[in-house]
Amino acid sequence: MAGYSSFREFYPFYLGEHANRVCRRLHFVGSLGALGCLAVALVQRNPWWLLAALVCGYAFAWIGHFFFEKNRPATFKYPFYSFAGDWVMFKDILTGKIRF
């Protein structure tokens, strides 16, 4: 993998790692679940839900990569860009820029 000097450079690579539609859907569902867990954490003032948010988001995403995309998640090499990529892709799916 090449090094990336900006998120703008990284994002096309990130999208290429999510070409499989089921993988993208699992990412979306995991991100939506993570937002739900975050909301529960805020309402209940229970920080354990923050851990649940991370587990939910990453579990769905990694299942998508290992079983459908058949590649290694970019999180392992680019954790910050990958985290940002998850949310930008989530927004792009919500707005119809990327097919769900």
N, C-alpha and C. Protein backbone atom coordinates (compact mmCIF):
# COMPACT_ATOMS: atom_id res chain seq x y z
N MET A 1 0.83 -1.18 0.00
CA MET A 1 0.00 0.00 0.00
C MET A 1 0.88 1.25 0.00
N ALA A 2 0.47 2.19 -0.75
CA ALA A 2 1.21 3.46 -0.83
C ALA A 2 0.90 4.31 0.40
N GLY A 3 1.77 5.28 0.68
CA GLY A 3 1.51 6.23 1.75
C GLY A 3 0.61 7.33 1.21
N TYR A 4 -0.18 7.91 2.08
CA TYR A 4 -1.10 8.98 1.68
C TYR A 4 -0.80 10.21 2.51
N SER A 5 -0.70 11.34 1.84
CA SER A 5 -0.39 12.58 2.56
C SER A 5 -1.63 13.37 2.93
N SER A 6 -2.81 12.93 2.46
CA SER A 6 -4.05 13.62 2.82
C SER A 6 -5.22 12.64 2.72
N PHE A 7 -6.30 13.01 3.38
CA PHE A 7 -7.51 12.19 3.30
C PHE A 7 -8.06 12.22 1.87
N ARG A 8 -7.95 13.34 1.22
CA ARG A 8 -8.42 13.48 -0.17
C ARG A 8 -7.73 12.46 -1.08
N GLU A 9 -6.46 12.21 -0.84
CA GLU A 9 -5.71 11.21 -1.59
C GLU A 9 -6.14 9.80 -1.22
N PHE A 10 -6.42 9.59 0.06
CA PHE A 10 -6.74 8.28 0.60
C PHE A 10 -8.13 7.78 0.20
N TYR A 11 -9.11 8.68 0.15
CA TYR A 11 -10.51 8.28 -0.02
C TYR A 11 -10.78 7.46 -1.28
N PRO A 12 -10.22 7.77 -2.44
CA PRO A 12 -10.44 6.89 -3.60
C PRO A 12 -9.93 5.46 -3.36
N PHE A 13 -8.79 5.33 -2.70
CA PHE A 13 -8.29 4.01 -2.33
C PHE A 13 -9.31 3.32 -1.41
N TYR A 14 -9.79 4.06 -0.42
CA TYR A 14 -10.75 3.52 0.54
C TYR A 14 -12.01 3.00 -0.17
N LEU A 15 -12.52 3.79 -1.11
CA LEU A 15 -13.71 3.35 -1.85
C LEU A 15 -13.42 2.10 -2.67
N GLY A 16 -12.21 1.99 -3.21
CA GLY A 16 -11.83 0.80 -3.96
C GLY A 16 -11.80 -0.44 -3.09
N GLU A 17 -11.53 -0.26 -1.81
CA GLU A 17 -11.52 -1.38 -0.87
C GLU A 17 -12.94 -1.77 -0.45
N HIS A 18 -13.94 -1.03 -0.92
CA HIS A 18 -15.34 -1.28 -0.58
C HIS A 18 -16.19 -1.43 -1.85
N ALA A 19 -15.65 -2.11 -2.83
CA ALA A 19 -16.35 -2.29 -4.10
C ALA A 19 -17.53 -3.25 -3.97
N ASN A 20 -17.44 -4.18 -3.04
CA ASN A 20 -18.51 -5.16 -2.84
C ASN A 20 -19.69 -4.50 -2.14
N ARG A 21 -20.86 -4.62 -2.75
CA ARG A 21 -22.06 -3.95 -2.23
C ARG A 21 -22.46 -4.45 -0.84
N VAL A 22 -22.31 -5.75 -0.58
CA VAL A 22 -22.65 -6.29 0.74
C VAL A 22 -21.72 -5.70 1.80
N CYS A 23 -20.45 -5.57 1.46
CA CYS A 23 -19.49 -4.96 2.40
C CYS A 23 -19.89 -3.53 2.72
N ARG A 24 -20.26 -2.76 1.70
CA ARG A 24 -20.70 -1.37 1.95
C ARG A 24 -21.95 -1.35 2.81
N ARG A 25 -22.86 -2.25 2.55
CA ARG A 25 -24.10 -2.30 3.35
C ARG A 25 -23.79 -2.64 4.80
N LEU A 26 -22.88 -3.58 5.01
CA LEU A 26 -22.51 -3.94 6.38
C LEU A 26 -21.84 -2.77 7.09
N HIS A 27 -21.00 -2.02 6.38
CA HIS A 27 -20.41 -0.82 6.95
C HIS A 27 -21.50 0.17 7.36
N PHE A 28 -22.47 0.37 6.49
CA PHE A 28 -23.54 1.32 6.76
C PHE A 28 -24.34 0.90 7.99
N VAL A 29 -24.72 -0.38 8.05
CA VAL A 29 -25.49 -0.89 9.19
C VAL A 29 -24.68 -0.77 10.48
N GLY A 30 -23.39 -1.10 10.41
CA GLY A 30 -22.54 -0.98 11.59
C GLY A 30 -22.41 0.45 12.06
N SER A 31 -22.28 1.38 11.13
CA SER A 31 -22.18 2.79 11.49
C SER A 31 -23.49 3.29 12.09
N LEU A 32 -24.60 2.86 11.51
CA LEU A 32 -25.91 3.24 12.04
C LEU A 32 -26.09 2.67 13.45
N GLY A 33 -25.69 1.43 13.66
CA GLY A 33 -25.75 0.82 14.99
C GLY A 33 -24.86 1.55 15.98
N ALA A 34 -23.68 1.97 15.52
CA ALA A 34 -22.76 2.72 16.39
C ALA A 34 -23.38 4.05 16.81
N LEU A 35 -24.06 4.70 15.87
CA LEU A 35 -24.75 5.96 16.23
C LEU A 35 -25.86 5.70 17.24
N GLY A 36 -26.57 4.58 17.08
CA GLY A 36 -27.60 4.21 18.05
C GLY A 36 -27.02 3.97 19.43
N CYS A 37 -25.90 3.26 19.49
CA CYS A 37 -25.24 3.01 20.77
C CYS A 37 -24.75 4.31 21.40
N LEU A 38 -24.25 5.21 20.57
CA LEU A 38 -23.80 6.52 21.07
C LEU A 38 -24.98 7.29 21.66
N ALA A 39 -26.13 7.23 21.01
CA ALA A 39 -27.32 7.92 21.52
C ALA A 39 -27.74 7.33 22.87
N VAL A 40 -27.71 6.00 22.97
CA VAL A 40 -28.07 5.36 24.24
C VAL A 40 -27.08 5.76 25.33
N ALA A 41 -25.78 5.81 24.98
CA ALA A 41 -24.76 6.21 25.95
C ALA A 41 -25.04 7.61 26.49
N LEU A 42 -25.45 8.51 25.62
CA LEU A 42 -25.74 9.88 26.04
C LEU A 42 -27.00 9.96 26.89
N VAL A 43 -28.03 9.26 26.47
CA VAL A 43 -29.31 9.30 27.20
C VAL A 43 -29.17 8.64 28.57
N GLN A 44 -28.53 7.48 28.61
CA GLN A 44 -28.40 6.74 29.87
C GLN A 44 -27.18 7.16 30.69
N ARG A 45 -26.34 7.98 30.10
CA ARG A 45 -25.09 8.40 30.75
C ARG A 45 -24.29 7.19 31.22
N ASN A 46 -24.20 6.23 30.30
CA ASN A 46 -23.50 4.98 30.59
C ASN A 46 -22.39 4.79 29.56
N PRO A 47 -21.13 4.95 29.97
CA PRO A 47 -20.01 4.89 29.02
C PRO A 47 -19.80 3.51 28.40
N TRP A 48 -20.37 2.47 28.96
CA TRP A 48 -20.22 1.14 28.36
C TRP A 48 -20.82 1.09 26.96
N TRP A 49 -21.79 1.93 26.70
CA TRP A 49 -22.38 1.97 25.36
C TRP A 49 -21.40 2.54 24.33
N LEU A 50 -20.41 3.29 24.78
CA LEU A 50 -19.38 3.77 23.86
C LEU A 50 -18.55 2.60 23.34
N LEU A 51 -18.24 1.67 24.23
CA LEU A 51 -17.54 0.46 23.83
C LEU A 51 -18.42 -0.35 22.87
N ALA A 52 -19.70 -0.43 23.17
CA ALA A 52 -20.63 -1.14 22.29
C ALA A 52 -20.68 -0.50 20.91
N ALA A 53 -20.58 0.82 20.86
CA ALA A 53 -20.58 1.53 19.57
C ALA A 53 -19.37 1.12 18.74
N LEU A 54 -18.21 1.07 19.36
CA LEU A 54 -16.99 0.65 18.63
C LEU A 54 -17.10 -0.79 18.16
N VAL A 55 -17.55 -1.67 19.04
CA VAL A 55 -17.69 -3.08 18.68
C VAL A 55 -18.69 -3.24 17.54
N CYS A 56 -19.81 -2.58 17.63
CA CYS A 56 -20.84 -2.67 16.59
C CYS A 56 -20.30 -2.20 15.25
N GLY A 57 -19.71 -1.03 15.24
CA GLY A 57 -19.19 -0.48 13.99
C GLY A 57 -18.13 -1.35 13.35
N TYR A 58 -17.15 -1.76 14.13
CA TYR A 58 -16.05 -2.54 13.57
C TYR A 58 -16.44 -3.98 13.27
N ALA A 59 -17.31 -4.58 14.06
CA ALA A 59 -17.71 -5.98 13.81
C ALA A 59 -18.39 -6.10 12.45
N PHE A 60 -19.36 -5.25 12.18
CA PHE A 60 -20.04 -5.30 10.88
C PHE A 60 -19.06 -5.04 9.74
N ALA A 61 -18.20 -4.05 9.90
CA ALA A 61 -17.25 -3.70 8.85
C ALA A 61 -16.29 -4.84 8.57
N TRP A 62 -15.75 -5.44 9.62
CA TRP A 62 -14.76 -6.49 9.42
C TRP A 62 -15.38 -7.76 8.87
N ILE A 63 -16.61 -8.05 9.24
CA ILE A 63 -17.31 -9.18 8.61
C ILE A 63 -17.43 -8.93 7.11
N GLY A 64 -17.76 -7.70 6.75
CA GLY A 64 -17.85 -7.34 5.34
C GLY A 64 -16.54 -7.54 4.60
N HIS A 65 -15.45 -7.17 5.24
CA HIS A 65 -14.14 -7.31 4.58
C HIS A 65 -13.69 -8.76 4.51
N PHE A 66 -13.77 -9.49 5.59
CA PHE A 66 -13.23 -10.84 5.62
C PHE A 66 -14.08 -11.84 4.83
N PHE A 67 -15.40 -11.67 4.82
CA PHE A 67 -16.26 -12.67 4.18
C PHE A 67 -16.80 -12.27 2.82
N PHE A 68 -16.90 -10.99 2.53
CA PHE A 68 -17.49 -10.56 1.26
C PHE A 68 -16.48 -9.85 0.36
N GLU A 69 -15.77 -8.89 0.91
CA GLU A 69 -14.78 -8.15 0.11
C GLU A 69 -13.51 -8.99 -0.06
N LYS A 70 -13.26 -9.84 0.93
CA LYS A 70 -12.08 -10.72 0.95
C LYS A 70 -10.77 -9.93 0.88
N ASN A 71 -10.71 -8.88 1.69
CA ASN A 71 -9.48 -8.10 1.80
C ASN A 71 -9.26 -7.73 3.27
N ARG A 72 -8.13 -7.16 3.53
CA ARG A 72 -7.78 -6.75 4.89
C ARG A 72 -8.26 -5.31 5.11
N PRO A 73 -9.00 -5.05 6.20
CA PRO A 73 -9.49 -3.69 6.44
C PRO A 73 -8.35 -2.66 6.46
N ALA A 74 -8.59 -1.53 5.84
CA ALA A 74 -7.60 -0.45 5.80
C ALA A 74 -7.31 0.09 7.20
N THR A 75 -8.19 -0.18 8.14
CA THR A 75 -8.02 0.25 9.53
C THR A 75 -6.68 -0.21 10.10
N PHE A 76 -6.23 -1.38 9.67
CA PHE A 76 -5.00 -1.93 10.23
C PHE A 76 -3.77 -1.10 9.85
N LYS A 77 -3.81 -0.48 8.68
CA LYS A 77 -2.66 0.32 8.25
C LYS A 77 -2.92 1.83 8.36
N TYR A 78 -4.15 2.24 8.16
CA TYR A 78 -4.51 3.67 8.18
C TYR A 78 -5.70 3.89 9.12
N PRO A 79 -5.51 3.75 10.43
CA PRO A 79 -6.66 3.79 11.34
C PRO A 79 -7.44 5.11 11.33
N PHE A 80 -6.76 6.24 11.27
CA PHE A 80 -7.47 7.52 11.33
C PHE A 80 -8.17 7.84 10.02
N TYR A 81 -7.47 7.67 8.91
CA TYR A 81 -8.08 7.90 7.60
C TYR A 81 -9.23 6.92 7.37
N SER A 82 -9.07 5.69 7.81
CA SER A 82 -10.11 4.69 7.62
C SER A 82 -11.36 5.04 8.43
N PHE A 83 -11.16 5.48 9.67
CA PHE A 83 -12.28 5.88 10.51
C PHE A 83 -13.04 7.04 9.85
N ALA A 84 -12.29 8.01 9.36
CA ALA A 84 -12.91 9.14 8.66
C ALA A 84 -13.60 8.66 7.39
N GLY A 85 -12.97 7.73 6.68
CA GLY A 85 -13.56 7.18 5.46
C GLY A 85 -14.88 6.50 5.71
N ASP A 86 -15.00 5.80 6.85
CA ASP A 86 -16.27 5.16 7.20
C ASP A 86 -17.40 6.18 7.24
N TRP A 87 -17.13 7.31 7.88
CA TRP A 87 -18.18 8.32 8.05
C TRP A 87 -18.46 9.10 6.78
N VAL A 88 -17.44 9.33 5.98
CA VAL A 88 -17.67 9.99 4.70
C VAL A 88 -18.46 9.07 3.78
N MET A 89 -18.11 7.78 3.77
CA MET A 89 -18.85 6.82 2.95
C MET A 89 -20.30 6.71 3.46
N PHE A 90 -20.50 6.72 4.76
CA PHE A 90 -21.84 6.69 5.35
C PHE A 90 -22.66 7.87 4.83
N LYS A 91 -22.06 9.06 4.87
CA LYS A 91 -22.72 10.27 4.36
C LYS A 91 -22.99 10.15 2.86
N ASP A 92 -22.03 9.64 2.11
CA ASP A 92 -22.20 9.50 0.67
C ASP A 92 -23.30 8.49 0.32
N ILE A 93 -23.46 7.45 1.13
CA ILE A 93 -24.56 6.50 0.92
C ILE A 93 -25.88 7.17 1.26
N LEU A 94 -25.93 7.88 2.39
CA LEU A 94 -27.17 8.59 2.79
C LEU A 94 -27.63 9.58 1.75
N THR A 95 -26.69 10.27 1.14
CA THR A 95 -27.04 11.31 0.16
C THR A 95 -27.20 10.76 -1.26
N GLY A 96 -26.98 9.45 -1.44
CA GLY A 96 -27.16 8.85 -2.75
C GLY A 96 -25.96 8.96 -3.68
N LYS A 97 -24.88 9.51 -3.19
CA LYS A 97 -23.67 9.64 -4.02
C LYS A 97 -23.04 8.26 -4.29
N ILE A 98 -23.18 7.37 -3.31
CA ILE A 98 -22.71 5.98 -3.44
C ILE A 98 -23.93 5.08 -3.33
N ARG A 99 -23.99 4.09 -4.20
CA ARG A 99 -25.13 3.17 -4.21
C ARG A 99 -25.12 2.28 -2.98
N PHE A 100 -26.27 2.16 -2.35
CA PHE A 100 -26.45 1.29 -1.18
C PHE A 100 -26.67 -0.11 -1.69
